[in-house]
């Protein structure tokens, strides 16, 4: 299953990259194909928040499910991703509940 990882980035230490990397490793170990926004939209100092969202949403739409990291509810971008995934009928799971 192709799984998009969604979670807080802005305002987090190191943009919360370690949490996304751990999630991707865990998903891969469970046999899933993880998709991280850090892979679909690499950091560039001139990019704005909307630029990242415009890169990440199409990548999310190519996935079967969305796995959310802790704190996602406090992230404007993650909330948008989850609402869109829900509206489109995608599977949404808390990362700790996704199993092989």
C-alpha atoms as a PDB file:
ATOM      1  CA  UNK A   1       0.000   0.000   0.000  1.00  0.00           C
ATOM      2  CA  UNK A   2       1.307   3.442  -0.912  1.00  0.00           C
ATOM      3  CA  UNK A   3       1.045   5.625   2.211  1.00  0.00           C
ATOM      4  CA  UNK A   4       1.502   9.392   2.434  1.00  0.00           C
ATOM      5  CA  UNK A   5       2.920  10.653   5.735  1.00  0.00           C
ATOM      6  CA  UNK A   6       1.241  13.809   7.016  1.00  0.00           C
ATOM      7  CA  UNK A   7       2.207  15.813  10.065  1.00  0.00           C
ATOM      8  CA  UNK A   8       3.447  19.096  11.452  1.00  0.00           C
ATOM      9  CA  UNK A   9       6.459  20.721   9.787  1.00  0.00           C
ATOM     10  CA  UNK A  10       6.378  24.504  10.252  1.00  0.00           C
ATOM     11  CA  UNK A  11       7.761  25.761  13.532  1.00  0.00           C
ATOM     12  CA  UNK A  12       9.256  22.394  14.473  1.00  0.00           C
ATOM     13  CA  UNK A  13      12.919  21.720  15.213  1.00  0.00           C
ATOM     14  CA  UNK A  14      14.578  20.543  11.983  1.00  0.00           C
ATOM     15  CA  UNK A  15      11.122  20.869  10.379  1.00  0.00           C
ATOM     16  CA  UNK A  16      10.150  17.638  12.172  1.00  0.00           C
ATOM     17  CA  UNK A  17      12.159  15.724   9.555  1.00  0.00           C
ATOM     18  CA  UNK A  18      13.312  13.004  12.000  1.00  0.00           C
ATOM     19  CA  UNK A  19       9.675  12.054  12.750  1.00  0.00           C
ATOM     20  CA  UNK A  20       8.895  11.801   9.035  1.00  0.00           C
ATOM     21  CA  UNK A  21      12.013   9.708   8.421  1.00  0.00           C
ATOM     22  CA  UNK A  22      11.155   7.343  11.289  1.00  0.00           C
ATOM     23  CA  UNK A  23       7.611   7.005   9.958  1.00  0.00           C
ATOM     24  CA  UNK A  24       8.865   6.227   6.453  1.00  0.00           C
ATOM     25  CA  UNK A  25      11.265   3.569   7.768  1.00  0.00           C
ATOM     26  CA  UNK A  26       8.522   1.979   9.850  1.00  0.00           C
ATOM     27  CA  UNK A  27       6.054   1.941   6.970  1.00  0.00           C
ATOM     28  CA  UNK A  28       8.671   0.417   4.667  1.00  0.00           C
ATOM     29  CA  UNK A  29       9.499  -2.248   7.275  1.00  0.00           C
ATOM     30  CA  UNK A  30       5.786  -3.143   7.355  1.00  0.00           C
ATOM     31  CA  UNK A  31       5.855  -3.615   3.585  1.00  0.00           C
ATOM     32  CA  UNK A  32       4.231  -0.328   2.592  1.00  0.00           C
ATOM     33  CA  UNK A  33       5.539   2.214   0.090  1.00  0.00           C
ATOM     34  CA  UNK A  34       5.928   5.438   2.111  1.00  0.00           C
ATOM     35  CA  UNK A  35       5.675   8.868   0.531  1.00  0.00           C
ATOM     36  CA  UNK A  36       7.128  11.722   2.569  1.00  0.00           C
ATOM     37  CA  UNK A  37       6.625  15.403   1.819  1.00  0.00           C
ATOM     38  CA  UNK A  38      10.382  15.775   2.332  1.00  0.00           C
ATOM     39  CA  UNK A  39      10.871  13.599  -0.744  1.00  0.00           C
ATOM     40  CA  UNK A  40       8.154  15.189  -2.886  1.00  0.00           C
ATOM     41  CA  UNK A  41       8.988  18.791  -2.037  1.00  0.00           C
ATOM     42  CA  UNK A  42      12.596  19.318  -0.894  1.00  0.00           C
ATOM     43  CA  UNK A  43      13.321  22.358   1.240  1.00  0.00           C
ATOM     44  CA  UNK A  44      14.368  25.509  -0.554  1.00  0.00           C
ATOM     45  CA  UNK A  45      14.725  28.822   1.299  1.00  0.00           C
ATOM     46  CA  UNK A  46      12.846  30.784  -1.381  1.00  0.00           C
ATOM     47  CA  UNK A  47       9.757  28.550  -1.329  1.00  0.00           C
ATOM     48  CA  UNK A  48       6.623  29.626   0.506  1.00  0.00           C
ATOM     49  CA  UNK A  49       4.224  27.412   2.474  1.00  0.00           C
ATOM     50  CA  UNK A  50       1.752  27.291  -0.441  1.00  0.00           C
ATOM     51  CA  UNK A  51       4.504  26.096  -2.796  1.00  0.00           C
ATOM     52  CA  UNK A  52       5.088  23.067  -0.577  1.00  0.00           C
ATOM     53  CA  UNK A  53       1.368  22.323  -0.393  1.00  0.00           C
ATOM     54  CA  UNK A  54       1.058  22.521  -4.189  1.00  0.00           C
ATOM     55  CA  UNK A  55       3.857  19.940  -4.463  1.00  0.00           C
ATOM     56  CA  UNK A  56       2.635  17.675  -1.679  1.00  0.00           C
ATOM     57  CA  UNK A  57      -1.078  17.393  -2.398  1.00  0.00           C
ATOM     58  CA  UNK A  58      -0.658  15.809  -5.861  1.00  0.00           C
ATOM     59  CA  UNK A  59       1.783  13.311  -4.323  1.00  0.00           C
ATOM     60  CA  UNK A  60      -0.733  12.505  -1.588  1.00  0.00           C
ATOM     61  CA  UNK A  61      -3.458  11.942  -4.175  1.00  0.00           C
ATOM     62  CA  UNK A  62      -1.364   9.181  -5.767  1.00  0.00           C
ATOM     63  CA  UNK A  63      -1.428   7.250  -2.483  1.00  0.00           C
ATOM     64  CA  UNK A  64      -3.857   4.712  -1.057  1.00  0.00           C
ATOM     65  CA  UNK A  65      -3.791   5.999   2.508  1.00  0.00           C
ATOM     66  CA  UNK A  66      -2.607   8.838   4.718  1.00  0.00           C
ATOM     67  CA  UNK A  67      -0.760   8.133   7.966  1.00  0.00           C
ATOM     68  CA  UNK A  68      -0.770  11.042  10.371  1.00  0.00           C
ATOM     69  CA  UNK A  69       1.952  11.853  12.854  1.00  0.00           C
ATOM     70  CA  UNK A  70       1.312  13.070  16.390  1.00  0.00           C
ATOM     71  CA  UNK A  71       0.501  16.762  16.472  1.00  0.00           C
ATOM     72  CA  UNK A  72      -1.052  16.771  12.999  1.00  0.00           C
ATOM     73  CA  UNK A  73      -4.173  18.497  14.314  1.00  0.00           C
ATOM     74  CA  UNK A  74      -2.097  21.588  15.148  1.00  0.00           C
ATOM     75  CA  UNK A  75      -0.687  21.824  11.610  1.00  0.00           C
ATOM     76  CA  UNK A  76      -2.618  23.848   9.036  1.00  0.00           C
ATOM     77  CA  UNK A  77      -1.099  21.856   6.167  1.00  0.00           C
ATOM     78  CA  UNK A  78      -1.713  18.461   7.750  1.00  0.00           C
ATOM     79  CA  UNK A  79      -5.312  19.400   8.545  1.00  0.00           C
ATOM     80  CA  UNK A  80      -5.844  20.362   4.892  1.00  0.00           C
ATOM     81  CA  UNK A  81      -4.319  17.055   3.768  1.00  0.00           C
ATOM     82  CA  UNK A  82      -6.470  15.032   6.161  1.00  0.00           C
ATOM     83  CA  UNK A  83      -9.680  16.879   5.249  1.00  0.00           C
ATOM     84  CA  UNK A  84      -8.974  16.401   1.547  1.00  0.00           C
ATOM     85  CA  UNK A  85      -8.135  12.719   2.028  1.00  0.00           C
ATOM     86  CA  UNK A  86     -11.348  12.243   4.043  1.00  0.00           C
ATOM     87  CA  UNK A  87     -13.449  14.065   1.421  1.00  0.00           C
ATOM     88  CA  UNK A  88     -12.013  11.791  -1.280  1.00  0.00           C
ATOM     89  CA  UNK A  89     -12.614   8.613   0.711  1.00  0.00           C
ATOM     90  CA  UNK A  90      -8.962   7.791   1.313  1.00  0.00           C
ATOM     91  CA  UNK A  91      -7.998   5.650   4.288  1.00  0.00           C
ATOM     92  CA  UNK A  92      -6.642   7.799   7.135  1.00  0.00           C
ATOM     93  CA  UNK A  93      -4.836   6.225  10.067  1.00  0.00           C
ATOM     94  CA  UNK A  94      -2.839   7.324  13.057  1.00  0.00           C
ATOM     95  CA  UNK A  95       0.648   6.002  12.385  1.00  0.00           C
ATOM     96  CA  UNK A  96       0.607   3.834  15.505  1.00  0.00           C
ATOM     97  CA  UNK A  97      -2.514   2.024  14.248  1.00  0.00           C
ATOM     98  CA  UNK A  98      -1.238   1.145  10.762  1.00  0.00           C
ATOM     99  CA  UNK A  99      -0.167  -2.486  10.580  1.00  0.00           C
ATOM    100  CA  UNK A 100       1.431  -4.718   7.954  1.00  0.00           C
END
